[in-house]
């Protein structure tokens, strides 16, 4: 590739990245409770970390089957809890696909929140029972032991 052609291709790529990354970032930041993200230095691919109770391969399968959306799971790169999202193509089409991802993210976040509530409630209930039984045990068992050893 000649230097003039190379420069034309690079200028086009830089323009795409400059114009489309902010739109992708707006979507990423609409999920700040789930995502953490470091902007790409070069290229039109974002690597996004997520905080949901699902592996990236399982998330990939769920999105592919339920939403007909393809993302690349971080598991393919040996990195857990990451997804790779390309944004160098038609950004409007990409954002339409990401709107379908929103549906799955919301379901997973609600499921995780419900699980966390159940665990918290169970934990408080167990703590109450343990506290009550420990109080009873300590109040009587220490006296019983004192009298048994005499």
Foldseek 3Di string as FASTA:
>chain_A
DDPVVVVVVVVLQVVLCVPQVVVVVVLQVVPVVFWDFDDDPDAQKTKIATDFPDWQVVLQVCLCVVVVAHWAGCVVVVDTRIIMQGCSDPNVVSVVSVVSVVVVVVVRVVVVVVVVVVVVVVVVVVVVVVVVVVVVCVVPVVVVVVVVVD
